[in-house]
C-alpha atoms as a PDB file:
ATOM      1  CA  MET A   1     -35.120  31.330  88.003  1.00  0.00           C
ATOM      2  CA  GLU A   2     -38.324  30.254  89.112  1.00  0.00           C
ATOM      3  CA  LYS A   3     -40.585  28.352  86.318  1.00  0.00           C
ATOM      4  CA  SER A   4     -43.619  30.327  85.045  1.00  0.00           C
ATOM      5  CA  LYS A   5     -46.416  28.779  85.663  1.00  0.00           C
ATOM      6  CA  VAL A   6     -49.448  27.369  83.468  1.00  0.00           C
ATOM      7  CA  TYR A   7     -52.698  26.287  85.109  1.00  0.00           C
ATOM      8  CA  TYR A   8     -54.949  23.686  83.928  1.00  0.00           C
ATOM      9  CA  ILE A   9     -59.128  23.153  84.097  1.00  0.00           C
ATOM     10  CA  LYS A  10     -59.719  19.725  81.882  1.00  0.00           C
ATOM     11  CA  GLU A  11     -63.642  21.220  81.616  1.00  0.00           C
ATOM     12  CA  ILE A  12     -63.809  23.546  79.096  1.00  0.00           C
ATOM     13  CA  THR A  13     -66.811  26.224  79.850  1.00  0.00           C
ATOM     14  CA  PRO A  14     -67.036  29.549  80.050  1.00  0.00           C
ATOM     15  CA  GLU A  15     -66.851  30.069  83.628  1.00  0.00           C
ATOM     16  CA  ASN A  16     -63.600  28.193  84.029  1.00  0.00           C
ATOM     17  CA  ILE A  17     -62.139  30.591  81.908  1.00  0.00           C
ATOM     18  CA  VAL A  18     -62.434  33.292  84.474  1.00  0.00           C
ATOM     19  CA  LYS A  19     -61.774  30.616  87.022  1.00  0.00           C
ATOM     20  CA  LEU A  20     -57.982  31.107  85.738  1.00  0.00           C
ATOM     21  CA  TYR A  21     -57.512  34.211  84.744  1.00  0.00           C
ATOM     22  CA  GLU A  22     -58.504  34.935  88.665  1.00  0.00           C
ATOM     23  CA  HIS A  23     -55.698  32.311  89.453  1.00  0.00           C
ATOM     24  CA  LEU A  24     -53.007  34.206  87.317  1.00  0.00           C
ATOM     25  CA  ASN A  25     -53.154  36.754  89.730  1.00  0.00           C
ATOM     26  CA  ILE A  26     -53.140  39.831  87.265  1.00  0.00           C
ATOM     27  CA  ASN A  27     -55.282  42.923  87.774  1.00  0.00           C
ATOM     28  CA  LEU A  28     -55.658  43.940  83.711  1.00  0.00           C
ATOM     29  CA  THR A  29     -57.352  47.580  84.278  1.00  0.00           C
ATOM     30  CA  GLY A  30     -57.764  50.236  81.958  1.00  0.00           C
ATOM     31  CA  ASN A  31     -59.095  49.625  78.889  1.00  0.00           C
ATOM     32  CA  VAL A  32     -58.875  46.011  78.990  1.00  0.00           C
ATOM     33  CA  GLY A  33     -58.525  44.522  75.461  1.00  0.00           C
ATOM     34  CA  ILE A  34     -59.076  40.588  74.433  1.00  0.00           C
ATOM     35  CA  LYS A  35     -57.774  39.339  71.648  1.00  0.00           C
ATOM     36  CA  PHE A  36     -60.042  36.836  69.925  1.00  0.00           C
ATOM     37  CA  HIS A  37     -60.440  35.039  66.331  1.00  0.00           C
ATOM     38  CA  SER A  38     -63.470  36.217  64.512  1.00  0.00           C
ATOM     39  CA  GLY A  39     -63.172  32.906  62.640  1.00  0.00           C
ATOM     40  CA  GLU A  40     -63.519  32.693  58.741  1.00  0.00           C
ATOM     41  CA  LYS A  41     -66.834  32.799  57.279  1.00  0.00           C
ATOM     42  CA  GLY A  42     -68.044  29.182  56.727  1.00  0.00           C
ATOM     43  CA  ASN A  43     -65.073  27.705  59.393  1.00  0.00           C
ATOM     44  CA  GLN A  44     -66.807  25.416  61.884  1.00  0.00           C
ATOM     45  CA  ASN A  45     -64.341  25.165  64.532  1.00  0.00           C
ATOM     46  CA  TYR A  46     -63.766  28.456  65.957  1.00  0.00           C
ATOM     47  CA  LEU A  47     -64.526  30.086  69.757  1.00  0.00           C
ATOM     48  CA  LYS A  48     -68.017  30.776  69.715  1.00  0.00           C
ATOM     49  CA  PRO A  49     -69.590  33.828  70.983  1.00  0.00           C
ATOM     50  CA  GLU A  50     -70.752  31.879  74.245  1.00  0.00           C
ATOM     51  CA  MET A  51     -67.534  31.149  74.899  1.00  0.00           C
ATOM     52  CA  TYR A  52     -66.902  34.962  75.770  1.00  0.00           C
ATOM     53  CA  PHE A  53     -69.826  36.478  77.940  1.00  0.00           C
ATOM     54  CA  PRO A  54     -68.585  35.817  81.264  1.00  0.00           C
ATOM     55  CA  ILE A  55     -64.689  36.725  80.952  1.00  0.00           C
ATOM     56  CA  VAL A  56     -65.892  40.181  78.987  1.00  0.00           C
ATOM     57  CA  LYS A  57     -68.062  41.240  81.529  1.00  0.00           C
ATOM     58  CA  ARG A  58     -65.575  40.136  84.547  1.00  0.00           C
ATOM     59  CA  LEU A  59     -62.953  42.447  82.663  1.00  0.00           C
ATOM     60  CA  ASN A  60     -65.325  44.984  80.914  1.00  0.00           C
ATOM     61  CA  ALA A  61     -63.443  44.166  77.677  1.00  0.00           C
ATOM     62  CA  THR A  62     -63.690  44.711  73.976  1.00  0.00           C
ATOM     63  CA  LEU A  63     -62.732  42.300  71.747  1.00  0.00           C
ATOM     64  CA  LEU A  64     -59.686  42.752  69.274  1.00  0.00           C
ATOM     65  CA  GLU A  65     -58.671  41.697  66.000  1.00  0.00           C
ATOM     66  CA  CYS A  66     -56.679  43.095  62.846  1.00  0.00           C
ATOM     67  CA  ASN A  67     -57.754  42.213  59.261  1.00  0.00           C
ATOM     68  CA  THR A  68     -56.423  39.110  56.864  1.00  0.00           C
ATOM     69  CA  ALA A  69     -53.780  39.488  54.028  1.00  0.00           C
ATOM     70  CA  TYR A  70     -55.657  36.835  51.746  1.00  0.00           C
ATOM     71  CA  PRO A  71     -58.713  36.650  49.975  1.00  0.00           C
ATOM     72  CA  GLY A  72     -62.090  36.442  52.065  1.00  0.00           C
ATOM     73  CA  SER A  73     -64.416  38.060  54.313  1.00  0.00           C
ATOM     74  CA  ARG A  74     -62.250  39.385  56.716  1.00  0.00           C
ATOM     75  CA  ASN A  75     -59.492  41.004  54.128  1.00  0.00           C
ATOM     76  CA  THR A  76     -61.083  44.880  54.192  1.00  0.00           C
ATOM     77  CA  THR A  77     -62.651  46.564  57.816  1.00  0.00           C
ATOM     78  CA  GLU A  78     -65.804  46.344  56.031  1.00  0.00           C
ATOM     79  CA  LYS A  79     -66.179  42.854  54.881  1.00  0.00           C
ATOM     80  CA  HIS A  80     -65.199  42.291  58.722  1.00  0.00           C
ATOM     81  CA  MET A  81     -67.492  44.018  60.126  1.00  0.00           C
ATOM     82  CA  LYS A  82     -70.413  42.104  58.265  1.00  0.00           C
ATOM     83  CA  LEU A  83     -68.806  38.551  59.529  1.00  0.00           C
ATOM     84  CA  MET A  84     -68.635  40.238  62.446  1.00  0.00           C
ATOM     85  CA  GLU A  85     -72.491  40.811  62.917  1.00  0.00           C
ATOM     86  CA  GLU A  86     -73.196  36.945  61.096  1.00  0.00           C
ATOM     87  CA  HIS A  87     -70.573  35.321  63.383  1.00  0.00           C
ATOM     88  CA  GLY A  88     -72.705  37.637  66.574  1.00  0.00           C
ATOM     89  CA  TRP A  89     -69.281  39.539  67.533  1.00  0.00           C
ATOM     90  CA  SER A  90     -70.886  42.658  67.541  1.00  0.00           C
ATOM     91  CA  THR A  91     -74.376  42.031  68.545  1.00  0.00           C
ATOM     92  CA  ASN A  92     -73.445  40.854  71.627  1.00  0.00           C
ATOM     93  CA  PHE A  93     -70.180  42.092  72.567  1.00  0.00           C
ATOM     94  CA  LYS A  94     -67.828  45.770  71.834  1.00  0.00           C
ATOM     95  CA  VAL A  95     -65.359  44.894  68.831  1.00  0.00           C
ATOM     96  CA  ASP A  96     -62.506  46.586  67.346  1.00  0.00           C
ATOM     97  CA  ILE A  97     -61.017  46.186  64.227  1.00  0.00           C
ATOM     98  CA  LEU A  98     -56.976  47.499  64.745  1.00  0.00           C
ATOM     99  CA  ASP A  99     -55.768  48.053  61.312  1.00  0.00           C
ATOM    100  CA  ALA A 100     -58.771  49.932  60.956  1.00  0.00           C
ATOM    101  CA  ASP A 101     -56.963  53.135  60.846  1.00  0.00           C
ATOM    102  CA  GLY A 102     -53.503  51.855  59.607  1.00  0.00           C
ATOM    103  CA  ASP A 103     -50.420  50.595  60.857  1.00  0.00           C
ATOM    104  CA  LEU A 104     -48.347  51.043  63.834  1.00  0.00           C
ATOM    105  CA  MET A 105     -44.792  49.784  63.613  1.00  0.00           C
ATOM    106  CA  LEU A 106     -43.281  48.230  66.299  1.00  0.00           C
ATOM    107  CA  ASP A 107     -38.955  48.227  66.572  1.00  0.00           C
ATOM    108  CA  ILE A 108     -37.776  44.618  68.023  1.00  0.00           C
ATOM    109  CA  PRO A 109     -34.307  45.428  69.209  1.00  0.00           C
ATOM    110  CA  LEU A 110     -33.168  41.568  69.596  1.00  0.00           C
ATOM    111  CA  HIS A 111     -34.961  39.532  67.080  1.00  0.00           C
ATOM    112  CA  LYS A 112     -34.218  36.550  64.772  1.00  0.00           C
ATOM    113  CA  VAL A 113     -34.790  37.765  61.191  1.00  0.00           C
ATOM    114  CA  ILE A 114     -37.463  41.300  61.225  1.00  0.00           C
ATOM    115  CA  ASP A 115     -36.149  44.076  63.628  1.00  0.00           C
ATOM    116  CA  LYS A 116     -40.305  45.598  63.561  1.00  0.00           C
ATOM    117  CA  ASN A 117     -43.132  44.798  63.328  1.00  0.00           C
ATOM    118  CA  TYR A 118     -46.493  46.499  62.095  1.00  0.00           C
ATOM    119  CA  VAL A 119     -49.787  46.166  64.395  1.00  0.00           C
ATOM    120  CA  GLY A 120     -53.287  47.411  63.911  1.00  0.00           C
ATOM    121  CA  LYS A 121     -52.913  51.409  64.790  1.00  0.00           C
ATOM    122  CA  ARG A 122     -55.691  51.126  67.586  1.00  0.00           C
ATOM    123  CA  ILE A 123     -53.437  48.811  69.914  1.00  0.00           C
ATOM    124  CA  LEU A 124     -52.187  51.983  71.204  1.00  0.00           C
ATOM    125  CA  ASN A 125     -55.587  52.637  72.986  1.00  0.00           C
ATOM    126  CA  TYR A 126     -55.443  49.546  75.169  1.00  0.00           C
ATOM    127  CA  ASP A 127     -53.775  49.216  78.865  1.00  0.00           C
ATOM    128  CA  SER A 128     -53.857  45.641  79.374  1.00  0.00           C
ATOM    129  CA  MET A 129     -54.565  42.780  76.841  1.00  0.00           C
ATOM    130  CA  LEU A 130     -55.931  38.915  77.818  1.00  0.00           C
ATOM    131  CA  VAL A 131     -55.096  37.065  74.592  1.00  0.00           C
ATOM    132  CA  LEU A 132     -57.277  34.813  74.280  1.00  0.00           C
ATOM    133  CA  SER A 133     -56.424  31.285  71.984  1.00  0.00           C
ATOM    134  CA  HIS A 134     -58.163  28.752  70.734  1.00  0.00           C
ATOM    135  CA  PHE A 135     -55.352  26.189  70.483  1.00  0.00           C
ATOM    136  CA  LYS A 136     -55.682  24.140  67.610  1.00  0.00           C
ATOM    137  CA  GLY A 137     -53.655  23.193  64.048  1.00  0.00           C
ATOM    138  CA  HIS A 138     -52.286  25.406  61.028  1.00  0.00           C
ATOM    139  CA  PRO A 139     -51.626  25.000  57.203  1.00  0.00           C
ATOM    140  CA  MET A 140     -48.715  26.972  57.829  1.00  0.00           C
ATOM    141  CA  GLY A 141     -47.432  28.033  61.376  1.00  0.00           C
ATOM    142  CA  GLY A 142     -48.049  24.275  62.077  1.00  0.00           C
ATOM    143  CA  TYR A 143     -50.349  25.050  64.765  1.00  0.00           C
ATOM    144  CA  GLY A 144     -51.747  28.083  66.225  1.00  0.00           C
ATOM    145  CA  GLY A 145     -51.984  29.463  70.169  1.00  0.00           C
ATOM    146  CA  ALA A 146     -50.941  32.198  71.637  1.00  0.00           C
ATOM    147  CA  LEU A 147     -47.849  32.792  70.262  1.00  0.00           C
ATOM    148  CA  LYS A 148     -49.212  33.123  66.785  1.00  0.00           C
ATOM    149  CA  GLN A 149     -51.572  35.441  68.262  1.00  0.00           C
ATOM    150  CA  LEU A 150     -48.724  37.723  69.362  1.00  0.00           C
ATOM    151  CA  SER A 151     -47.766  37.611  66.065  1.00  0.00           C
ATOM    152  CA  ILE A 152     -50.202  37.321  62.683  1.00  0.00           C
ATOM    153  CA  GLY A 153     -53.177  37.960  65.136  1.00  0.00           C
ATOM    154  CA  PHE A 154     -51.933  42.040  66.154  1.00  0.00           C
ATOM    155  CA  ALA A 155     -50.044  42.418  62.979  1.00  0.00           C
ATOM    156  CA  SER A 156     -51.627  45.004  60.715  1.00  0.00           C
ATOM    157  CA  SER A 157     -53.204  43.367  57.248  1.00  0.00           C
ATOM    158  CA  PHE A 158     -49.789  44.961  55.985  1.00  0.00           C
ATOM    159  CA  GLY A 159     -48.328  43.245  58.710  1.00  0.00           C
ATOM    160  CA  LYS A 160     -49.232  40.161  58.299  1.00  0.00           C
ATOM    161  CA  ASN A 161     -47.458  39.938  54.589  1.00  0.00           C
ATOM    162  CA  TYR A 162     -44.618  41.230  56.788  1.00  0.00           C
ATOM    163  CA  ILE A 163     -43.938  38.418  58.564  1.00  0.00           C
ATOM    164  CA  HIS A 164     -45.212  35.653  56.320  1.00  0.00           C
ATOM    165  CA  SER A 165     -42.295  37.469  53.678  1.00  0.00           C
ATOM    166  CA  ALA A 166     -39.508  37.216  56.306  1.00  0.00           C
ATOM    167  CA  GLY A 167     -39.696  41.599  56.048  1.00  0.00           C
ATOM    168  CA  GLY A 168     -39.965  41.711  52.142  1.00  0.00           C
ATOM    169  CA  LYS A 169     -42.324  41.808  49.517  1.00  0.00           C
ATOM    170  CA  ALA A 170     -42.870  38.168  48.448  1.00  0.00           C
ATOM    171  CA  TRP A 171     -44.178  35.332  50.998  1.00  0.00           C
ATOM    172  CA  THR A 172     -40.913  33.760  51.725  1.00  0.00           C
ATOM    173  CA  LYS A 173     -40.400  30.054  50.134  1.00  0.00           C
ATOM    174  CA  ASN A 174     -38.206  29.330  53.747  1.00  0.00           C
ATOM    175  CA  GLN A 175     -40.368  27.811  55.624  1.00  0.00           C
ATOM    176  CA  ASP A 176     -38.046  28.246  58.968  1.00  0.00           C
ATOM    177  CA  MET A 177     -37.568  32.658  57.668  1.00  0.00           C
ATOM    178  CA  PHE A 178     -41.182  32.669  58.363  1.00  0.00           C
ATOM    179  CA  LEU A 179     -41.414  30.811  61.393  1.00  0.00           C
ATOM    180  CA  LEU A 180     -38.885  33.079  63.196  1.00  0.00           C
ATOM    181  CA  SER A 181     -39.949  35.919  61.896  1.00  0.00           C
ATOM    182  CA  MET A 182     -43.292  34.766  63.952  1.00  0.00           C
ATOM    183  CA  ALA A 183     -41.783  34.719  67.307  1.00  0.00           C
ATOM    184  CA  ASP A 184     -39.812  38.095  66.641  1.00  0.00           C
ATOM    185  CA  ALA A 185     -43.470  40.112  66.078  1.00  0.00           C
ATOM    186  CA  ALA A 186     -44.607  37.949  68.874  1.00  0.00           C
ATOM    187  CA  LYS A 187     -41.704  39.710  71.197  1.00  0.00           C
ATOM    188  CA  SER A 188     -42.838  43.152  70.032  1.00  0.00           C
ATOM    189  CA  VAL A 189     -46.380  42.597  71.672  1.00  0.00           C
ATOM    190  CA  VAL A 190     -44.955  41.120  74.295  1.00  0.00           C
ATOM    191  CA  ASP A 191     -42.489  44.113  75.357  1.00  0.00           C
ATOM    192  CA  LEU A 192     -45.222  46.907  74.298  1.00  0.00           C
ATOM    193  CA  PHE A 193     -47.105  45.430  76.956  1.00  0.00           C
ATOM    194  CA  LYS A 194     -44.942  44.405  79.513  1.00  0.00           C
ATOM    195  CA  ASP A 195     -46.628  43.331  82.947  1.00  0.00           C
ATOM    196  CA  ARG A 196     -50.067  44.256  81.651  1.00  0.00           C
ATOM    197  CA  ILE A 197     -50.876  40.767  79.246  1.00  0.00           C
ATOM    198  CA  CYS A 198     -51.935  37.278  80.051  1.00  0.00           C
ATOM    199  CA  TYR A 199     -52.875  34.289  78.211  1.00  0.00           C
ATOM    200  CA  ILE A 200     -55.588  31.975  78.161  1.00  0.00           C
ATOM    201  CA  ASN A 201     -55.171  28.947  75.131  1.00  0.00           C
ATOM    202  CA  VAL A 202     -58.386  26.564  74.940  1.00  0.00           C
ATOM    203  CA  MET A 203     -58.270  23.718  73.638  1.00  0.00           C
ATOM    204  CA  SER A 204     -61.107  22.304  72.002  1.00  0.00           C
ATOM    205  CA  ASN A 205     -62.723  21.506  68.773  1.00  0.00           C
ATOM    206  CA  ILE A 206     -58.333  20.291  67.534  1.00  0.00           C
ATOM    207  CA  SER A 207     -58.327  20.177  63.922  1.00  0.00           C
ATOM    208  CA  VAL A 208     -55.166  20.356  61.623  1.00  0.00           C
ATOM    209  CA  ASP A 209     -56.633  23.443  60.350  1.00  0.00           C
ATOM    210  CA  CYS A 210     -56.655  27.168  61.572  1.00  0.00           C
ATOM    211  CA  ASP A 211     -59.715  28.760  61.920  1.00  0.00           C
ATOM    212  CA  CYS A 212     -59.067  31.332  58.846  1.00  0.00           C
ATOM    213  CA  CYS A 213     -59.843  28.377  57.172  1.00  0.00           C
ATOM    214  CA  SER A 214     -63.139  28.388  55.235  1.00  0.00           C
ATOM    215  CA  LYS A 215     -63.885  24.941  55.229  1.00  0.00           C
ATOM    216  CA  ALA A 216     -60.965  23.080  58.277  1.00  0.00           C
ATOM    217  CA  GLU A 217     -60.532  19.623  58.607  1.00  0.00           C
ATOM    218  CA  ASP A 218     -63.268  18.422  61.198  1.00  0.00           C
ATOM    219  CA  PRO A 219     -60.946  17.537  64.751  1.00  0.00           C
ATOM    220  CA  CYS A 220     -59.245  14.753  64.859  1.00  0.00           C
ATOM    221  CA  ILE A 221     -58.406  14.286  68.984  1.00  0.00           C
ATOM    222  CA  GLU A 222     -60.928  14.800  71.551  1.00  0.00           C
ATOM    223  CA  ASP A 223     -60.762  18.019  73.445  1.00  0.00           C
ATOM    224  CA  LEU A 224     -58.052  18.557  76.055  1.00  0.00           C
ATOM    225  CA  GLY A 225     -58.873  21.444  78.494  1.00  0.00           C
ATOM    226  CA  ILE A 226     -57.726  25.480  79.161  1.00  0.00           C
ATOM    227  CA  LEU A 227     -54.815  26.617  79.912  1.00  0.00           C
ATOM    228  CA  ALA A 228     -53.758  30.447  81.739  1.00  0.00           C
ATOM    229  CA  SER A 229     -50.002  32.146  81.956  1.00  0.00           C
ATOM    230  CA  LEU A 230     -48.537  35.333  82.163  1.00  0.00           C
ATOM    231  CA  ASP A 231     -45.808  33.409  79.520  1.00  0.00           C
ATOM    232  CA  PRO A 232     -46.642  32.639  76.096  1.00  0.00           C
ATOM    233  CA  VAL A 233     -44.385  30.508  75.277  1.00  0.00           C
ATOM    234  CA  SER A 234     -45.195  28.390  78.365  1.00  0.00           C
ATOM    235  CA  ILE A 235     -48.640  27.662  77.719  1.00  0.00           C
ATOM    236  CA  ASP A 236     -47.678  27.328  74.298  1.00  0.00           C
ATOM    237  CA  GLN A 237     -44.969  24.876  75.137  1.00  0.00           C
ATOM    238  CA  ALA A 238     -47.859  22.867  77.769  1.00  0.00           C
ATOM    239  CA  CYS A 239     -50.337  22.581  74.911  1.00  0.00           C
ATOM    240  CA  ILE A 240     -47.694  20.581  72.900  1.00  0.00           C
ATOM    241  CA  ASP A 241     -46.986  18.560  75.745  1.00  0.00           C
ATOM    242  CA  LEU A 242     -50.616  17.820  76.798  1.00  0.00           C
ATOM    243  CA  VAL A 243     -50.480  16.005  73.436  1.00  0.00           C
ATOM    244  CA  TYR A 244     -47.758  14.423  72.601  1.00  0.00           C
ATOM    245  CA  ASN A 245     -47.622  12.810  76.039  1.00  0.00           C
ATOM    246  CA  SER A 246     -51.468  11.750  75.294  1.00  0.00           C
ATOM    247  CA  SER A 247     -52.810   8.340  74.628  1.00  0.00           C
ATOM    248  CA  LEU A 248     -55.289   9.911  72.342  1.00  0.00           C
ATOM    249  CA  GLU A 249     -56.313   8.587  69.219  1.00  0.00           C
ATOM    250  CA  GLY A 250     -55.911  10.841  66.088  1.00  0.00           C
ATOM    251  CA  LYS A 251     -52.739  12.790  68.011  1.00  0.00           C
ATOM    252  CA  GLU A 252     -50.259  11.377  64.934  1.00  0.00           C
ATOM    253  CA  HIS A 253     -52.330  13.027  62.435  1.00  0.00           C
ATOM    254  CA  PHE A 254     -51.877  16.185  64.537  1.00  0.00           C
ATOM    255  CA  ILE A 255     -48.139  15.944  65.068  1.00  0.00           C
ATOM    256  CA  GLU A 256     -47.597  15.261  61.415  1.00  0.00           C
ATOM    257  CA  ARG A 257     -49.330  18.755  60.811  1.00  0.00           C
ATOM    258  CA  VAL A 258     -46.695  20.738  63.468  1.00  0.00           C
ATOM    259  CA  GLU A 259     -43.283  19.088  62.669  1.00  0.00           C
ATOM    260  CA  SER A 260     -43.777  19.008  58.809  1.00  0.00           C
ATOM    261  CA  ARG A 261     -44.402  22.746  58.906  1.00  0.00           C
ATOM    262  CA  HIS A 262     -41.282  22.638  61.801  1.00  0.00           C
ATOM    263  CA  GLY A 263     -43.709  24.495  63.920  1.00  0.00           C
ATOM    264  CA  LEU A 264     -41.387  23.858  67.069  1.00  0.00           C
ATOM    265  CA  LEU A 265     -39.077  26.268  66.129  1.00  0.00           C
ATOM    266  CA  THR A 266     -41.505  29.227  67.054  1.00  0.00           C
ATOM    267  CA  ILE A 267     -41.712  27.982  70.269  1.00  0.00           C
ATOM    268  CA  GLU A 268     -37.734  27.754  70.206  1.00  0.00           C
ATOM    269  CA  ALA A 269     -36.687  31.016  69.074  1.00  0.00           C
ATOM    270  CA  ALA A 270     -39.324  32.762  71.417  1.00  0.00           C
ATOM    271  CA  ASN A 271     -36.864  31.170  74.027  1.00  0.00           C
ATOM    272  CA  GLU A 272     -34.189  32.278  72.648  1.00  0.00           C
ATOM    273  CA  ILE A 273     -35.291  35.973  72.400  1.00  0.00           C
ATOM    274  CA  ASN A 274     -37.075  36.111  75.773  1.00  0.00           C
ATOM    275  CA  VAL A 275     -40.441  36.392  74.778  1.00  0.00           C
ATOM    276  CA  GLY A 276     -40.891  33.535  77.702  1.00  0.00           C
ATOM    277  CA  SER A 277     -39.780  30.091  78.759  1.00  0.00           C
ATOM    278  CA  LYS A 278     -40.017  27.131  77.501  1.00  0.00           C
ATOM    279  CA  GLU A 279     -39.682  26.045  81.880  1.00  0.00           C
ATOM    280  CA  TYR A 280     -43.003  25.681  83.002  1.00  0.00           C
ATOM    281  CA  GLU A 281     -44.255  24.774  86.044  1.00  0.00           C
ATOM    282  CA  PHE A 282     -47.958  22.841  85.434  1.00  0.00           C
ATOM    283  CA  ILE A 283     -50.467  23.070  88.087  1.00  0.00           C
ATOM    284  CA  GLU A 284     -54.333  21.905  87.573  1.00  0.00           C
ATOM    285  CA  ILE A 285     -56.896  23.404  89.200  1.00  0.00           C
ATOM    286  CA  LYS A 286     -59.797  21.282  90.316  1.00  0.00           C
END
């Protein structure tokens, strides 16, 4: 079987995001959405609007988010839209909160833990999708990349609780069940869009904390570049490999965050249920 291709550019610029998209040889058409992270109020590390201008223009896309499942500035549509304006999203782009009108249930026939996922209902308004992720650590998932955007990112507020509880009613204390549920949820979105979805991970401001933290730790390693792929498992594995195989000062702190939360289990599970493949061909673009 042919390995998934992961394209890489070391220099992080808005224009290089478009350049990598072009190398994917995919034509996202119709009503195009870009799944992004709006950044919690007070967070200093999230990708800023300046990174999005060229790719949004290239795809004539709408930026997509869902409400959160924890207290803060993004757990209701009203508060979230206010923050969208404060952070410069709605003033510069078309934005859409996918669960503003409630949930859509997606079945997951091949799964590890959960056999259904609840995403924002408005996802059905979009014909194709770019998942543009800020790769970094995460207090609960170990790391955040394409698979987390596909799972927690597209999940409605209710759906986020459902994943975190591994299909129950209260957030599970079993870390592995949560991670496996993320892999399941990711599969439901991949299966929905099939060949009309692609992935870009930006490895900048790499903290051990997520953009959902109101005050995240400052970055612990230097910026590493931008990656693009048609395979969400391959792109996340490639990002992990770039960190693990580097000689960067501070990488031990990042690796400790990933491994203490069993973060690589999400990649393993997603590989096993055919979300994508851990085997990839790494192609650097000059």
